[in-house]
PDB file of N, CA and C in Angstrom:
ATOM      1  N   MET A   1       0.821  -1.192   0.000  1.00  0.00           N
ATOM      2  CA  MET A   1       0.000   0.000   0.000  1.00  0.00           C
ATOM      3  C   MET A   1       0.870   1.263   0.000  1.00  0.00           C
ATOM      4  N   HIS A   2       2.010   1.194   0.676  1.00  0.00           N
ATOM      5  CA  HIS A   2       2.880   2.367   0.697  1.00  0.00           C
ATOM      6  C   HIS A   2       3.382   2.708  -0.706  1.00  0.00           C
ATOM      7  N   GLN A   3       3.748   1.664  -1.470  1.00  0.00           N
ATOM      8  CA  GLN A   3       4.218   1.913  -2.824  1.00  0.00           C
ATOM      9  C   GLN A   3       3.128   2.579  -3.653  1.00  0.00           C
ATOM     10  N   TYR A   4       1.899   2.084  -3.534  1.00  0.00           N
ATOM     11  CA  TYR A   4       0.785   2.650  -4.297  1.00  0.00           C
ATOM     12  C   TYR A   4       0.552   4.103  -3.897  1.00  0.00           C
ATOM     13  N   ALA A   5       0.592   4.395  -2.609  1.00  0.00           N
ATOM     14  CA  ALA A   5       0.393   5.767  -2.132  1.00  0.00           C
ATOM     15  C   ALA A   5       1.492   6.684  -2.662  1.00  0.00           C
ATOM     16  N   MET A   6       2.746   6.211  -2.634  1.00  0.00           N
ATOM     17  CA  MET A   6       3.854   7.029  -3.148  1.00  0.00           C
ATOM     18  C   MET A   6       3.728   7.236  -4.652  1.00  0.00           C
ATOM     19  N   TRP A   7       3.388   6.171  -5.374  1.00  0.00           N
ATOM     20  CA  TRP A   7       3.215   6.252  -6.824  1.00  0.00           C
ATOM     21  C   TRP A   7       2.146   7.291  -7.161  1.00  0.00           C
ATOM     22  N   THR A   8       1.033   7.230  -6.452  1.00  0.00           N
ATOM     23  CA  THR A   8      -0.069   8.154  -6.691  1.00  0.00           C
ATOM     24  C   THR A   8       0.340   9.590  -6.388  1.00  0.00           C
ATOM     25  N   GLU A   9       1.001   9.804  -5.273  1.00  0.00           N
ATOM     26  CA  GLU A   9       1.426  11.162  -4.912  1.00  0.00           C
ATOM     27  C   GLU A   9       2.470  11.697  -5.888  1.00  0.00           C
ATOM     28  N   LEU A  10       3.437  10.865  -6.265  1.00  0.00           N
ATOM     29  CA  LEU A  10       4.430  11.316  -7.243  1.00  0.00           C
ATOM     30  C   LEU A  10       3.764  11.683  -8.558  1.00  0.00           C
ATOM     31  N   ARG A  11       2.765  10.917  -8.961  1.00  0.00           N
ATOM     32  CA  ARG A  11       2.057  11.211 -10.222  1.00  0.00           C
ATOM     33  C   ARG A  11       1.355  12.553 -10.151  1.00  0.00           C
ATOM     34  N   THR A  12       0.785  12.902  -9.002  1.00  0.00           N
ATOM     35  CA  THR A  12       0.123  14.209  -8.884  1.00  0.00           C
ATOM     36  C   THR A  12       1.137  15.346  -9.023  1.00  0.00           C
ATOM     37  N   LEU A  13       2.406  15.052  -8.766  1.00  0.00           N
ATOM     38  CA  LEU A  13       3.476  16.045  -8.914  1.00  0.00           C
ATOM     39  C   LEU A  13       4.142  15.956 -10.287  1.00  0.00           C
ATOM     40  N   ASN A  14       3.568  15.119 -11.174  1.00  0.00           N
ATOM     41  CA  ASN A  14       4.105  14.892 -12.521  1.00  0.00           C
ATOM     42  C   ASN A  14       5.515  14.294 -12.476  1.00  0.00           C
ATOM     43  N   VAL A  15       5.709  13.383 -11.529  1.00  0.00           N
ATOM     44  CA  VAL A  15       6.979  12.670 -11.379  1.00  0.00           C
ATOM     45  C   VAL A  15       6.713  11.192 -11.646  1.00  0.00           C
ATOM     46  N   GLY A  16       7.556  10.562 -12.452  1.00  0.00           N
ATOM     47  CA  GLY A  16       7.410   9.147 -12.756  1.00  0.00           C
ATOM     48  C   GLY A  16       8.166   8.288 -11.755  1.00  0.00           C
ATOM     49  N   ALA A  17       7.722   7.057 -11.572  1.00  0.00           N
ATOM     50  CA  ALA A  17       8.383   6.126 -10.652  1.00  0.00           C
ATOM     51  C   ALA A  17       8.273   4.716 -11.202  1.00  0.00           C
ATOM     52  N   ASN A  18       9.157   3.851 -10.722  1.00  0.00           N
ATOM     53  CA  ASN A  18       9.204   2.473 -11.166  1.00  0.00           C
ATOM     54  C   ASN A  18       9.541   1.607  -9.958  1.00  0.00           C
ATOM     55  N   LEU A  19       8.677   0.668  -9.628  1.00  0.00           N
ATOM     56  CA  LEU A  19       8.929  -0.240  -8.507  1.00  0.00           C
ATOM     57  C   LEU A  19       9.749  -1.418  -8.998  1.00  0.00           C
ATOM     58  N   GLN A  20      10.900  -1.647  -8.365  1.00  0.00           N
ATOM     59  CA  GLN A  20      11.799  -2.726  -8.768  1.00  0.00           C
ATOM     60  C   GLN A  20      12.111  -3.599  -7.569  1.00  0.00           C
ATOM     61  N   HIS A  21      12.057  -4.911  -7.768  1.00  0.00           N
ATOM     62  CA  HIS A  21      12.434  -5.823  -6.697  1.00  0.00           C
ATOM     63  C   HIS A  21      13.944  -5.789  -6.535  1.00  0.00           C
ATOM     64  N   TYR A  22      14.385  -6.012  -5.338  1.00  0.00           N
ATOM     65  CA  TYR A  22      15.785  -5.842  -4.986  1.00  0.00           C
ATOM     66  C   TYR A  22      16.580  -7.115  -5.198  1.00  0.00           C
ATOM     67  N   ASN A  23      17.792  -6.992  -5.661  1.00  0.00           N
ATOM     68  CA  ASN A  23      18.697  -8.117  -5.841  1.00  0.00           C
ATOM     69  C   ASN A  23      19.581  -8.216  -4.600  1.00  0.00           C
ATOM     70  N   PRO A  24      19.619  -9.354  -3.921  1.00  0.00           N
ATOM     71  CA  PRO A  24      20.394  -9.459  -2.677  1.00  0.00           C
ATOM     72  C   PRO A  24      21.901  -9.263  -2.862  1.00  0.00           C
ATOM     73  N   LEU A  25      22.396  -9.261  -4.088  1.00  0.00           N
ATOM     74  CA  LEU A  25      23.830  -9.053  -4.308  1.00  0.00           C
ATOM     75  C   LEU A  25      24.292  -7.676  -3.847  1.00  0.00           C
ATOM     76  N   VAL A  26      23.369  -6.708  -3.777  1.00  0.00           N
ATOM     77  CA  VAL A  26      23.757  -5.345  -3.401  1.00  0.00           C
ATOM     78  C   VAL A  26      23.437  -5.019  -1.939  1.00  0.00           C
ATOM     79  N   ASP A  27      22.866  -5.967  -1.201  1.00  0.00           N
ATOM     80  CA  ASP A  27      22.437  -5.702   0.182  1.00  0.00           C
ATOM     81  C   ASP A  27      23.557  -5.127   1.054  1.00  0.00           C
ATOM     82  N   GLU A  28      24.682  -5.780   1.060  1.00  0.00           N
ATOM     83  CA  GLU A  28      25.770  -5.358   1.956  1.00  0.00           C
ATOM     84  C   GLU A  28      26.273  -3.952   1.592  1.00  0.00           C
ATOM     85  N   ASP A  29      26.501  -3.702   0.319  1.00  0.00           N
ATOM     86  CA  ASP A  29      26.981  -2.383  -0.109  1.00  0.00           C
ATOM     87  C   ASP A  29      25.952  -1.292   0.177  1.00  0.00           C
ATOM     88  N   ALA A  30      24.673  -1.582  -0.092  1.00  0.00           N
ATOM     89  CA  ALA A  30      23.623  -0.596   0.166  1.00  0.00           C
ATOM     90  C   ALA A  30      23.500  -0.318   1.664  1.00  0.00           C
ATOM     91  N   ALA A  31      23.579  -1.353   2.486  1.00  0.00           N
ATOM     92  CA  ALA A  31      23.478  -1.181   3.935  1.00  0.00           C
ATOM     93  C   ALA A  31      24.608  -0.296   4.452  1.00  0.00           C
ATOM     94  N   LYS A  32      25.809  -0.495   3.932  1.00  0.00           N
ATOM     95  CA  LYS A  32      26.939   0.341   4.343  1.00  0.00           C
ATOM     96  C   LYS A  32      26.778   1.779   3.859  1.00  0.00           C
ATOM     97  N   ALA A  33      26.402   1.945   2.598  1.00  0.00           N
ATOM     98  CA  ALA A  33      26.306   3.284   1.995  1.00  0.00           C
ATOM     99  C   ALA A  33      25.242   4.145   2.666  1.00  0.00           C
ATOM    100  N   TYR A  34      24.146   3.525   3.099  1.00  0.00           N
ATOM    101  CA  TYR A  34      23.024   4.303   3.643  1.00  0.00           C
ATOM    102  C   TYR A  34      22.765   4.035   5.119  1.00  0.00           C
ATOM    103  N   ALA A  35      23.704   3.404   5.805  1.00  0.00           N
ATOM    104  CA  ALA A  35      23.588   3.125   7.246  1.00  0.00           C
ATOM    105  C   ALA A  35      22.266   2.423   7.580  1.00  0.00           C
ATOM    106  N   ILE A  36      21.955   1.379   6.822  1.00  0.00           N
ATOM    107  CA  ILE A  36      20.719   0.618   7.033  1.00  0.00           C
ATOM    108  C   ILE A  36      20.968  -0.399   8.152  1.00  0.00           C
ATOM    109  N   PRO A  37      20.119  -0.428   9.175  1.00  0.00           N
ATOM    110  CA  PRO A  37      20.304  -1.371  10.287  1.00  0.00           C
ATOM    111  C   PRO A  37      20.276  -2.822   9.817  1.00  0.00           C
ATOM    112  N   ASP A  38      21.020  -3.674  10.494  1.00  0.00           N
ATOM    113  CA  ASP A  38      21.055  -5.103  10.155  1.00  0.00           C
ATOM    114  C   ASP A  38      19.683  -5.757  10.279  1.00  0.00           C
ATOM    115  N   SER A  39      18.812  -5.206  11.106  1.00  0.00           N
ATOM    116  CA  SER A  39      17.494  -5.799  11.309  1.00  0.00           C
ATOM    117  C   SER A  39      16.540  -5.529  10.141  1.00  0.00           C
ATOM    118  N   TRP A  40      16.916  -4.650   9.205  1.00  0.00           N
ATOM    119  CA  TRP A  40      16.076  -4.347   8.051  1.00  0.00           C
ATOM    120  C   TRP A  40      16.391  -5.298   6.909  1.00  0.00           C
ATOM    121  N   GLU A  41      15.384  -5.609   6.104  1.00  0.00           N
ATOM    122  CA  GLU A  41      15.569  -6.448   4.921  1.00  0.00           C
ATOM    123  C   GLU A  41      15.211  -5.623   3.695  1.00  0.00           C
ATOM    124  N   LEU A  42      16.127  -5.519   2.750  1.00  0.00           N
ATOM    125  CA  LEU A  42      15.882  -4.773   1.520  1.00  0.00           C
ATOM    126  C   LEU A  42      15.113  -5.667   0.554  1.00  0.00           C
ATOM    127  N   VAL A  43      13.926  -5.233   0.122  1.00  0.00           N
ATOM    128  CA  VAL A  43      13.131  -6.062  -0.771  1.00  0.00           C
ATOM    129  C   VAL A  43      12.758  -5.366  -2.077  1.00  0.00           C
ATOM    130  N   ALA A  44      12.811  -4.036  -2.120  1.00  0.00           N
ATOM    131  CA  ALA A  44      12.439  -3.327  -3.340  1.00  0.00           C
ATOM    132  C   ALA A  44      13.013  -1.912  -3.313  1.00  0.00           C
ATOM    133  N   GLN A  45      13.026  -1.296  -4.484  1.00  0.00           N
ATOM    134  CA  GLN A  45      13.425   0.107  -4.581  1.00  0.00           C
ATOM    135  C   GLN A  45      12.463   0.802  -5.541  1.00  0.00           C
ATOM    136  N   MET A  46      12.323   2.122  -5.396  1.00  0.00           N
ATOM    137  CA  MET A  46      11.447   2.872  -6.271  1.00  0.00           C
ATOM    138  C   MET A  46      12.191   4.110  -6.789  1.00  0.00           C
ATOM    139  N   PRO A  47      12.950   3.946  -7.885  1.00  0.00           N
ATOM    140  CA  PRO A  47      13.578   5.123  -8.477  1.00  0.00           C
ATOM    141  C   PRO A  47      12.498   6.046  -9.040  1.00  0.00           C
ATOM    142  N   PHE A  48      12.745   7.344  -8.991  1.00  0.00           N
ATOM    143  CA  PHE A  48      11.755   8.287  -9.514  1.00  0.00           C
ATOM    144  C   PHE A  48      12.460   9.471 -10.153  1.00  0.00           C
ATOM    145  N   GLY A  49      11.728  10.193 -11.012  1.00  0.00           N
ATOM    146  CA  GLY A  49      12.313  11.347 -11.686  1.00  0.00           C
ATOM    147  C   GLY A  49      11.363  11.915 -12.722  1.00  0.00           C
ATOM    148  N   ASN A  50      11.901  12.774 -13.580  1.00  0.00           N
ATOM    149  CA  ASN A  50      11.099  13.418 -14.618  1.00  0.00           C
ATOM    150  C   ASN A  50      10.531  12.390 -15.587  1.00  0.00           C
ATOM    151  N   ILE A  51       9.342  12.664 -16.089  1.00  0.00           N
ATOM    152  CA  ILE A  51       8.741  11.812 -17.111  1.00  0.00           C
ATOM    153  C   ILE A  51       9.180  12.373 -18.457  1.00  0.00           C
ATOM    154  N   VAL A  52      10.019  11.632 -19.181  1.00  0.00           N
ATOM    155  CA  VAL A  52      10.514  12.108 -20.473  1.00  0.00           C
ATOM    156  C   VAL A  52       9.717  11.538 -21.637  1.00  0.00           C
ATOM    157  N   ALA A  53       8.971  10.455 -21.396  1.00  0.00           N
ATOM    158  CA  ALA A  53       8.102   9.856 -22.410  1.00  0.00           C
ATOM    159  C   ALA A  53       7.028   9.052 -21.686  1.00  0.00           C
ATOM    160  N   PRO A  54       5.830   8.967 -22.257  1.00  0.00           N
ATOM    161  CA  PRO A  54       4.794   8.154 -21.612  1.00  0.00           C
ATOM    162  C   PRO A  54       5.180   6.683 -21.615  1.00  0.00           C
ATOM    163  N   ALA A  55       4.655   5.957 -20.662  1.00  0.00           N
ATOM    164  CA  ALA A  55       4.913   4.517 -20.588  1.00  0.00           C
ATOM    165  C   ALA A  55       4.354   3.834 -21.827  1.00  0.00           C
ATOM    166  N   GLY A  56       5.074   2.846 -22.319  1.00  0.00           N
ATOM    167  CA  GLY A  56       4.613   2.099 -23.486  1.00  0.00           C
ATOM    168  C   GLY A  56       3.486   1.151 -23.130  1.00  0.00           C
ATOM    169  N   GLU A  57       2.790   0.702 -24.157  1.00  0.00           N
ATOM    170  CA  GLU A  57       1.697  -0.242 -23.942  1.00  0.00           C
ATOM    171  C   GLU A  57       2.270  -1.601 -23.554  1.00  0.00           C
ATOM    172  N   LYS A  58       1.628  -2.258 -22.610  1.00  0.00           N
ATOM    173  CA  LYS A  58       2.073  -3.577 -22.164  1.00  0.00           C
ATOM    174  C   LYS A  58       1.216  -4.654 -22.819  1.00  0.00           C
ATOM    175  N   THR A  59       1.849  -5.757 -23.132  1.00  0.00           N
ATOM    176  CA  THR A  59       1.113  -6.917 -23.631  1.00  0.00           C
ATOM    177  C   THR A  59       1.356  -8.072 -22.664  1.00  0.00           C
ATOM    178  N   TYR A  60       0.366  -8.903 -22.506  1.00  0.00           N
ATOM    179  CA  TYR A  60       0.440 -10.012 -21.560  1.00  0.00           C
ATOM    180  C   TYR A  60       0.029 -11.301 -22.247  1.00  0.00           C
ATOM    181  N   GLN A  61       0.611 -12.400 -21.781  1.00  0.00           N
ATOM    182  CA  GLN A  61       0.141 -13.717 -22.200  1.00  0.00           C
ATOM    183  C   GLN A  61      -1.219 -13.949 -21.555  1.00  0.00           C
ATOM    184  N   PRO A  62      -2.040 -14.766 -22.136  1.00  0.00           N
ATOM    185  CA  PRO A  62      -3.299 -15.114 -21.471  1.00  0.00           C
ATOM    186  C   PRO A  62      -3.013 -15.763 -20.111  1.00  0.00           C
ATOM    187  N   VAL A  63      -3.885 -15.535 -19.153  1.00  0.00           N
ATOM    188  CA  VAL A  63      -3.708 -16.090 -17.813  1.00  0.00           C
ATOM    189  C   VAL A  63      -3.566 -17.606 -17.878  1.00  0.00           C
ATOM    190  N   SER A  64      -4.281 -18.255 -18.774  1.00  0.00           N
ATOM    191  CA  SER A  64      -4.214 -19.716 -18.875  1.00  0.00           C
ATOM    192  C   SER A  64      -2.816 -20.201 -19.260  1.00  0.00           C
ATOM    193  N   GLU A  65      -1.999 -19.340 -19.872  1.00  0.00           N
ATOM    194  CA  GLU A  65      -0.627 -19.701 -20.226  1.00  0.00           C
ATOM    195  C   GLU A  65       0.380 -19.299 -19.145  1.00  0.00           C
ATOM    196  N   ARG A  66       0.005 -18.358 -18.283  1.00  0.00           N
ATOM    197  CA  ARG A  66       0.918 -17.852 -17.244  1.00  0.00           C
ATOM    198  C   ARG A  66       0.731 -18.533 -15.901  1.00  0.00           C
ATOM    199  N   MET A  67      -0.400 -19.162 -15.680  1.00  0.00           N
ATOM    200  CA  MET A  67      -0.720 -19.675 -14.350  1.00  0.00           C
ATOM    201  C   MET A  67      -1.361 -21.050 -14.465  1.00  0.00           C
ATOM    202  N   LYS A  68      -0.990 -21.933 -13.555  1.00  0.00           N
ATOM    203  CA  LYS A  68      -1.608 -23.250 -13.484  1.00  0.00           C
ATOM    204  C   LYS A  68      -2.122 -23.473 -12.077  1.00  0.00           C
ATOM    205  N   VAL A  69      -3.311 -24.019 -11.982  1.00  0.00           N
ATOM    206  CA  VAL A  69      -3.902 -24.362 -10.692  1.00  0.00           C
ATOM    207  C   VAL A  69      -3.896 -25.887 -10.604  1.00  0.00           C
ATOM    208  N   LEU A  70      -3.251 -26.409  -9.564  1.00  0.00           N
ATOM    209  CA  LEU A  70      -3.144 -27.859  -9.405  1.00  0.00           C
ATOM    210  C   LEU A  70      -3.917 -28.313  -8.175  1.00  0.00           C
ATOM    211  N   GLY A  71      -4.400 -29.514  -8.214  1.00  0.00           N
ATOM    212  CA  GLY A  71      -5.030 -30.108  -7.036  1.00  0.00           C
ATOM    213  C   GLY A  71      -6.515 -29.846  -6.915  1.00  0.00           C
ATOM    214  N   LEU A  72      -7.173 -29.432  -7.965  1.00  0.00           N
ATOM    215  CA  LEU A  72      -8.623 -29.221  -7.875  1.00  0.00           C
ATOM    216  C   LEU A  72      -9.381 -30.406  -8.394  1.00  0.00           C
TER     217      LEU A  72
END
């Protein structure tokens, strides 16, 4: 919900954002660079900035090709 709230607020300011899941390879360096406590877990980042072009159209595979339900 926090990401959605930030995305919405940034959009009202005409600022673009992109939610990205975090790669654990950078955890140690990021924790040192930004003094992140050991008790925190890095799971995502949201870079933001000027909108230089509108987002492109997305295409998706049909749900029946992307998801399988087993055991029914």
